[in-house]
């Protein structure tokens, strides 16, 4: 197994996410970024910058709706954002 390195600080949230027919791993934490990894080889697939005003990301889960895969993230400022996992854009 390859270590998944790249976050600066603690990791608070992990979940699986299906992107382009592949099962990947999403991680989030203190550095304000959501990172999507290929768990087979440890490769970083994409990074979502959640922005400085949201604070740390404490919770993360996959949401399937309307044929799309989204990531819901709970932040330290009391908000929840929903991101399109494939395009790394806020929904």
Protein backbone atom coordinates (compact mmCIF):
# COMPACT_ATOMS: atom_id res chain seq x y z
CA UNK A 1 0.00 0.00 0.00
CA UNK A 2 1.18 3.49 -0.81
CA UNK A 3 0.84 6.26 1.80
CA UNK A 4 -1.47 9.09 0.75
CA UNK A 5 0.52 12.20 1.59
CA UNK A 6 -0.32 15.77 0.74
CA UNK A 7 -2.51 17.26 3.47
CA UNK A 8 -0.93 19.90 5.67
CA UNK A 9 -2.30 19.09 9.10
CA UNK A 10 -4.77 16.61 10.51
CA UNK A 11 -7.19 14.65 8.34
CA UNK A 12 -10.72 14.65 9.79
CA UNK A 13 -12.86 13.12 7.03
CA UNK A 14 -12.58 10.16 4.66
CA UNK A 15 -15.07 8.53 2.31
CA UNK A 16 -15.20 6.56 -0.90
CA UNK A 17 -16.41 8.35 -4.01
CA UNK A 18 -17.21 7.00 -7.47
CA UNK A 19 -15.71 9.18 -10.24
CA UNK A 20 -15.71 8.23 -13.93
CA UNK A 21 -16.57 4.64 -13.07
CA UNK A 22 -13.71 4.28 -10.56
CA UNK A 23 -13.94 3.91 -6.79
CA UNK A 24 -11.67 6.56 -5.28
CA UNK A 25 -10.99 7.89 -1.79
CA UNK A 26 -11.75 11.46 -0.72
CA UNK A 27 -9.98 13.03 2.27
CA UNK A 28 -10.43 16.38 4.00
CA UNK A 29 -9.07 18.15 7.03
CA UNK A 30 -7.39 21.05 8.65
CA UNK A 31 -5.71 22.48 5.55
CA UNK A 32 -9.01 23.43 3.86
CA UNK A 33 -8.57 21.07 0.92
CA UNK A 34 -10.50 18.03 -0.20
CA UNK A 35 -8.22 15.60 -1.98
CA UNK A 36 -9.34 12.72 -4.18
CA UNK A 37 -6.99 9.75 -4.41
CA UNK A 38 -6.69 6.52 -6.35
CA UNK A 39 -6.25 3.98 -3.54
CA UNK A 40 -4.70 1.40 -5.88
CA UNK A 41 -1.48 3.37 -6.36
CA UNK A 42 -1.75 6.34 -3.97
CA UNK A 43 -1.90 8.85 -6.83
CA UNK A 44 -3.57 12.21 -6.16
CA UNK A 45 -6.35 12.58 -8.74
CA UNK A 46 -7.55 16.10 -7.90
CA UNK A 47 -7.67 18.72 -5.18
CA UNK A 48 -10.67 20.86 -4.26
CA UNK A 49 -9.78 24.15 -2.55
CA UNK A 50 -12.70 24.83 -0.20
CA UNK A 51 -11.57 28.41 0.50
CA UNK A 52 -10.22 30.10 3.63
CA UNK A 53 -13.54 31.34 5.09
CA UNK A 54 -15.03 27.88 5.62
CA UNK A 55 -12.48 26.71 8.17
CA UNK A 56 -11.46 23.12 8.59
CA UNK A 57 -13.47 20.34 6.99
CA UNK A 58 -14.68 17.94 9.67
CA UNK A 59 -17.06 15.65 7.75
CA UNK A 60 -17.20 14.26 4.23
CA UNK A 61 -19.60 11.92 2.43
CA UNK A 62 -20.58 10.86 -1.07
CA UNK A 63 -24.05 11.78 -2.37
CA UNK A 64 -25.49 10.20 -5.54
CA UNK A 65 -28.31 12.17 -7.12
CA UNK A 66 -29.61 12.55 -10.66
CA UNK A 67 -26.81 10.36 -12.04
CA UNK A 68 -24.15 12.61 -10.53
CA UNK A 69 -21.68 11.92 -7.76
CA UNK A 70 -21.35 14.78 -5.29
CA UNK A 71 -19.29 15.26 -2.13
CA UNK A 72 -20.94 16.89 0.87
CA UNK A 73 -18.49 18.55 3.25
CA UNK A 74 -19.15 19.90 6.76
CA UNK A 75 -16.96 22.85 7.75
CA UNK A 76 -15.76 24.50 10.94
CA UNK A 77 -17.75 27.67 10.24
CA UNK A 78 -21.05 25.77 10.53
CA UNK A 79 -21.71 25.38 6.79
CA UNK A 80 -22.11 22.41 4.49
CA UNK A 81 -20.97 22.65 0.88
CA UNK A 82 -21.71 20.25 -1.93
CA UNK A 83 -19.05 19.70 -4.59
CA UNK A 84 -19.21 17.93 -7.93
CA UNK A 85 -16.62 15.18 -7.40
CA UNK A 86 -15.67 14.83 -11.06
CA UNK A 87 -15.17 18.52 -11.87
CA UNK A 88 -14.18 19.82 -8.41
CA UNK A 89 -16.81 22.56 -8.62
CA UNK A 90 -19.24 23.71 -5.98
CA UNK A 91 -22.84 22.74 -6.72
